[in-house]
Protein backbone atom coordinates (compact mmCIF):
# COMPACT_ATOMS: atom_id res chain seq x y z
CA UNK A 1 43.29 49.28 44.58
CA UNK A 2 43.24 45.46 44.83
CA UNK A 3 45.86 43.10 43.56
CA UNK A 4 44.78 40.17 41.39
CA UNK A 5 47.42 37.46 40.87
CA UNK A 6 47.58 36.14 37.29
CA UNK A 7 50.35 33.72 36.46
CA UNK A 8 52.64 35.02 39.19
CA UNK A 9 52.36 38.64 38.06
CA UNK A 10 50.25 41.02 40.12
CA UNK A 11 47.99 43.31 38.15
CA UNK A 12 46.20 46.27 39.58
CA UNK A 13 42.40 46.29 39.39
CA UNK A 14 40.42 49.46 40.05
CA UNK A 15 38.54 49.52 43.31
CA UNK A 16 34.88 48.55 43.16
CA UNK A 17 35.32 46.44 40.04
CA UNK A 18 35.16 42.70 40.65
CA UNK A 19 35.57 39.72 38.35
CA UNK A 20 32.70 38.86 36.02
CA UNK A 21 30.06 36.74 37.75
CA UNK A 22 29.59 34.44 34.75
CA UNK A 23 33.33 33.91 34.38
CA UNK A 24 33.78 33.04 38.06
CA UNK A 25 30.81 30.63 37.88
CA UNK A 26 32.31 29.01 34.79
CA UNK A 27 35.71 28.61 36.50
CA UNK A 28 34.10 27.19 39.63
CA UNK A 29 32.13 24.61 37.63
CA UNK A 30 35.20 23.59 35.65
CA UNK A 31 33.34 23.54 32.35
CA UNK A 32 34.49 26.87 30.98
CA UNK A 33 30.94 27.71 29.88
CA UNK A 34 28.92 30.59 31.18
CA UNK A 35 25.54 29.49 32.63
CA UNK A 36 22.53 30.74 30.65
CA UNK A 37 21.16 32.67 33.62
CA UNK A 38 24.40 34.74 33.83
CA UNK A 39 24.84 35.45 30.14
CA UNK A 40 24.24 39.02 29.07
CA UNK A 41 20.73 39.54 27.73
CA UNK A 42 19.44 36.18 28.95
CA UNK A 43 16.71 36.28 31.58
CA UNK A 44 16.11 33.64 34.19
CA UNK A 45 12.88 32.37 32.63
CA UNK A 46 12.50 28.64 32.78
CA UNK A 47 12.47 26.68 29.50
CA UNK A 48 9.02 26.07 28.13
CA UNK A 49 7.49 29.07 29.91
CA UNK A 50 4.74 30.45 27.69
CA UNK A 51 4.74 27.39 25.45
CA UNK A 52 1.20 26.58 26.57
CA UNK A 53 -0.08 29.85 25.11
CA UNK A 54 1.84 29.32 21.87
CA UNK A 55 0.33 25.85 21.51
CA UNK A 56 -3.16 26.96 22.42
CA UNK A 57 -3.30 29.75 19.84
CA UNK A 58 -3.12 27.50 16.71
CA UNK A 59 -5.84 25.27 18.16
CA UNK A 60 -8.15 28.20 18.69
CA UNK A 61 -7.47 29.41 15.17
CA UNK A 62 -8.19 25.96 13.71
CA UNK A 63 -11.44 25.65 15.65
CA UNK A 64 -12.49 29.10 14.48
CA UNK A 65 -11.64 28.26 10.87
CA UNK A 66 -13.60 25.00 11.10
CA UNK A 67 -16.62 26.84 12.50
CA UNK A 68 -16.38 29.43 9.74
CA UNK A 69 -16.11 26.66 7.15
CA UNK A 70 -19.24 24.92 8.41
CA UNK A 71 -21.09 28.23 8.56
CA UNK A 72 -19.99 29.07 5.01
CA UNK A 73 -21.14 25.72 3.63
CA UNK A 74 -24.47 26.07 5.43
CA UNK A 75 -24.91 29.56 3.97
CA UNK A 76 -24.18 28.38 0.43
CA UNK A 77 -26.61 25.45 0.57
CA UNK A 78 -29.18 27.14 2.78
CA UNK A 79 -31.90 27.25 0.11
CA UNK A 80 -31.90 23.52 -0.72
CA UNK A 81 -31.69 22.68 2.96
CA UNK A 82 -34.59 24.93 3.89
CA UNK A 83 -36.75 23.10 1.37
CA UNK A 84 -36.73 20.10 3.70
CA UNK A 85 -37.18 22.20 6.86
CA UNK A 86 -41.03 22.02 7.01
CA UNK A 87 -41.07 18.21 6.79
CA UNK A 88 -38.28 17.86 9.34
CA UNK A 89 -39.93 20.35 11.68
CA UNK A 90 -43.16 18.39 11.50
CA UNK A 91 -41.31 15.15 12.25
CA UNK A 92 -42.28 13.48 8.99
CA UNK A 93 -40.07 10.80 7.52
CA UNK A 94 -41.09 11.55 3.94
CA UNK A 95 -39.46 14.72 2.74
CA UNK A 96 -36.92 14.80 5.55
CA UNK A 97 -34.90 11.67 6.25
CA UNK A 98 -35.53 10.16 2.83
CA UNK A 99 -33.97 13.11 0.99
CA UNK A 100 -30.38 14.28 0.85
CA UNK A 101 -31.35 17.83 1.79
CA UNK A 102 -33.20 16.62 4.86
CA UNK A 103 -30.34 14.40 6.01
CA UNK A 104 -27.82 17.22 5.63
CA UNK A 105 -30.13 19.62 7.46
CA UNK A 106 -30.60 17.26 10.39
CA UNK A 107 -26.85 16.61 10.48
CA UNK A 108 -26.12 20.31 10.83
CA UNK A 109 -28.85 20.76 13.43
CA UNK A 110 -27.44 17.89 15.49
CA UNK A 111 -23.88 19.27 15.64
CA UNK A 112 -24.35 20.75 19.15
CA UNK A 113 -25.52 17.34 20.40
CA UNK A 114 -22.44 15.72 18.85
CA UNK A 115 -20.21 18.27 20.60
CA UNK A 116 -22.00 17.57 23.88
CA UNK A 117 -21.46 13.83 23.42
CA UNK A 118 -17.74 14.38 22.80
CA UNK A 119 -17.52 16.52 25.94
CA UNK A 120 -19.30 13.87 28.04
CA UNK A 121 -16.99 11.14 26.74
CA UNK A 122 -13.91 13.22 27.48
CA UNK A 123 -15.12 13.89 31.02
CA UNK A 124 -15.86 10.23 31.73
CA UNK A 125 -12.81 8.76 30.01
CA UNK A 126 -9.76 7.56 31.89
CA UNK A 127 -6.73 8.77 29.96
CA UNK A 128 -3.13 9.79 30.71
CA UNK A 129 -4.02 13.46 30.30
CA UNK A 130 -6.85 15.74 29.25
CA UNK A 131 -5.50 16.18 25.72
CA UNK A 132 -5.54 12.44 25.08
CA UNK A 133 -9.07 12.11 26.44
CA UNK A 134 -10.31 14.92 24.22
CA UNK A 135 -8.53 13.60 21.15
CA UNK A 136 -9.99 10.12 21.51
CA UNK A 137 -13.50 11.35 22.34
CA UNK A 138 -13.66 13.83 19.47
CA UNK A 139 -12.28 11.18 17.11
CA UNK A 140 -14.91 8.62 18.10
CA UNK A 141 -17.83 11.02 17.86
CA UNK A 142 -16.58 12.62 14.66
CA UNK A 143 -15.93 9.25 13.03
CA UNK A 144 -19.49 8.04 13.66
CA UNK A 145 -21.35 11.32 13.28
CA UNK A 146 -19.51 12.32 10.13
CA UNK A 147 -19.81 8.94 8.38
CA UNK A 148 -23.30 7.63 9.15
CA UNK A 149 -25.26 10.44 7.38
CA UNK A 150 -23.31 10.02 4.13
CA UNK A 151 -23.60 6.24 4.22
CA UNK A 152 -27.32 6.68 4.83
CA UNK A 153 -27.61 8.86 1.72
CA UNK A 154 -25.77 6.32 -0.42
CA UNK A 155 -28.23 3.61 0.67
CA UNK A 156 -31.37 5.62 -0.10
CA UNK A 157 -33.55 3.65 -2.54
CA UNK A 158 -34.26 5.00 -5.99
CA UNK A 159 -37.71 5.12 -7.64
CA UNK A 160 -37.30 1.61 -9.06
CA UNK A 161 -36.04 -0.02 -5.87
CA UNK A 162 -37.10 -3.65 -5.57
CA UNK A 163 -38.15 -3.79 -9.22
CA UNK A 164 -35.09 -2.83 -11.24
CA UNK A 165 -32.33 -5.45 -10.99
CA UNK A 166 -28.95 -4.49 -9.62
CA UNK A 167 -26.47 -2.92 -12.02
CA UNK A 168 -22.70 -3.17 -11.87
CA UNK A 169 -19.99 -1.10 -13.55
CA UNK A 170 -16.56 -2.68 -13.26
CA UNK A 171 -14.64 -0.60 -15.82
CA UNK A 172 -12.42 1.87 -13.97
CA UNK A 173 -12.72 5.60 -14.74
CA UNK A 174 -15.64 5.14 -17.10
CA UNK A 175 -18.28 6.63 -14.78
CA UNK A 176 -16.23 9.66 -13.73
CA UNK A 177 -17.47 11.67 -16.69
CA UNK A 178 -21.08 10.96 -15.79
CA UNK A 179 -20.51 11.91 -12.15
CA UNK A 180 -19.50 15.47 -12.86
CA UNK A 181 -17.83 17.80 -10.34
CA UNK A 182 -20.74 17.65 -7.91
CA UNK A 183 -20.88 13.85 -7.95
CA UNK A 184 -17.12 13.52 -7.51
CA UNK A 185 -17.17 15.98 -4.62
CA UNK A 186 -19.99 14.11 -2.94
CA UNK A 187 -18.21 10.78 -3.31
CA UNK A 188 -15.05 12.27 -1.81
CA UNK A 189 -17.05 13.24 1.28
CA UNK A 190 -18.72 9.86 1.86
CA UNK A 191 -15.82 8.44 3.89
CA UNK A 192 -14.03 11.72 4.60
CA UNK A 193 -14.77 11.62 8.33
CA UNK A 194 -13.55 8.02 8.49
CA UNK A 195 -10.22 8.99 6.96
CA UNK A 196 -9.89 12.13 9.08
CA UNK A 197 -10.74 10.73 12.51
CA UNK A 198 -9.77 7.04 12.33
CA UNK A 199 -6.00 7.68 12.68
CA UNK A 200 -6.67 9.92 15.66
CA UNK A 201 -8.30 7.03 17.47
CA UNK A 202 -6.44 3.99 16.15
CA UNK A 203 -2.67 4.26 15.80
CA UNK A 204 -2.54 1.22 13.53
CA UNK A 205 -4.38 3.25 10.86
CA UNK A 206 -1.87 6.11 10.90
CA UNK A 207 -0.79 5.48 7.33
CA UNK A 208 -2.13 6.83 4.03
CA UNK A 209 -2.05 3.44 2.23
CA UNK A 210 -3.95 1.87 5.13
CA UNK A 211 -6.52 4.64 5.04
CA UNK A 212 -6.95 4.12 1.30
CA UNK A 213 -7.41 0.39 1.85
CA UNK A 214 -9.89 1.05 4.68
CA UNK A 215 -11.86 3.44 2.51
CA UNK A 216 -11.88 0.99 -0.39
CA UNK A 217 -13.11 -1.82 1.87
CA UNK A 218 -15.86 0.33 3.36
CA UNK A 219 -16.96 1.58 -0.04
CA UNK A 220 -16.99 -1.98 -1.41
CA UNK A 221 -19.38 -2.95 1.38
CA UNK A 222 -21.65 -0.03 0.47
CA UNK A 223 -21.66 -0.90 -3.22
CA UNK A 224 -22.37 -4.56 -2.42
CA UNK A 225 -25.37 -3.57 -0.29
CA UNK A 226 -26.68 -1.39 -3.11
CA UNK A 227 -26.55 -4.36 -5.44
CA UNK A 228 -27.90 -6.99 -3.05
CA UNK A 229 -30.76 -4.82 -1.74
CA UNK A 230 -31.72 -3.74 -5.28
CA UNK A 231 -31.85 -0.07 -4.41
CA UNK A 232 -32.02 1.07 -8.04
CA UNK A 233 -28.44 2.27 -7.90
CA UNK A 234 -25.37 1.46 -9.97
CA UNK A 235 -22.61 -0.34 -8.07
CA UNK A 236 -19.55 1.21 -9.68
CA UNK A 237 -15.87 0.58 -9.15
CA UNK A 238 -15.33 4.31 -9.65
CA UNK A 239 -17.39 4.99 -6.53
CA UNK A 240 -15.02 2.72 -4.61
CA UNK A 241 -11.96 4.51 -5.98
CA UNK A 242 -13.28 8.01 -5.29
CA UNK A 243 -14.53 7.09 -1.80
CA UNK A 244 -11.13 5.58 -0.95
CA UNK A 245 -9.34 8.63 -2.35
CA UNK A 246 -11.50 10.87 -0.17
CA UNK A 247 -10.61 8.88 2.93
CA UNK A 248 -6.89 9.11 2.11
CA UNK A 249 -7.02 12.85 1.29
CA UNK A 250 -8.82 13.76 4.49
CA UNK A 251 -6.42 11.53 6.38
CA UNK A 252 -3.61 13.68 5.03
CA UNK A 253 -5.51 16.74 6.26
CA UNK A 254 -5.36 15.41 9.84
CA UNK A 255 -1.83 14.03 9.57
CA UNK A 256 -0.39 16.65 11.91
CA UNK A 257 -2.59 15.49 14.79
CA UNK A 258 -2.55 11.73 14.30
CA UNK A 259 1.22 11.70 13.95
CA UNK A 260 1.50 13.68 17.19
CA UNK A 261 -0.85 11.26 18.91
CA UNK A 262 1.13 8.25 17.69
CA UNK A 263 4.40 9.64 19.06
CA UNK A 264 3.07 10.85 22.40
CA UNK A 265 3.89 8.61 25.35
CA UNK A 266 1.05 6.66 26.86
CA UNK A 267 1.44 7.09 30.60
CA UNK A 268 -1.64 5.02 31.40
CA UNK A 269 0.37 1.84 30.94
CA UNK A 270 2.91 1.02 33.64
CA UNK A 271 6.51 0.84 32.54
CA UNK A 272 7.86 -2.70 32.33
CA UNK A 273 10.09 -3.71 35.22
CA UNK A 274 13.40 -5.15 34.10
CA UNK A 275 14.21 -8.38 35.92
CA UNK A 276 17.73 -8.57 37.36
């Protein structure tokens, strides 16, 4: 039996039983708190262990969902797209790149090349870390590759191009009824890639009002070209509004990633040295 002094009074402690390890460590540190490693039920795992797997899983799920979404859209519109396949396979301009079906088909076919370009950019880019390099590279490729085909389709000439004078519709919301659901959906997608990827690449655009303004400015340029080039198309203010709304909506869809990119530290720039 050992004697343990407590406040001048000796108490008997059974042999083989010592003071609690956490309590002695707390008394020796002077804080009165038990260290996490000595608390009951707490293992000695370091903080953040396994966080890489937990972060990687949502990314894999999102990539899989995006691939399934693209595959689903391709399956739904496979018949109209296959109508332009013979002309595109033969390398003919007429029937392929001058039709919406042909442009969409070639855009889907070129997706592996776009992914390869993003990979090459990420490999060659100098960035603070691999995640930043990939984010910037994918944003640049996606911004260009996802916007150019839709802008190309909006600038396709109609049957009376060069003959019919330009037409303008400046009354808001008047042409929405004539567009229909398909026309509204198509106009929402014209600048969707711009709104989705631009904030990932440029931090100054990480704002929904700025994305709306950027989409409106880009759409105004498109409508002006339609009028000036006399493409037998109606330059409508409703097209500008719907295109800008699409850019803002798809910017909201990527808000989780561009907000994370805006708050991440940029270690490529040296820290300023404070002069004494």
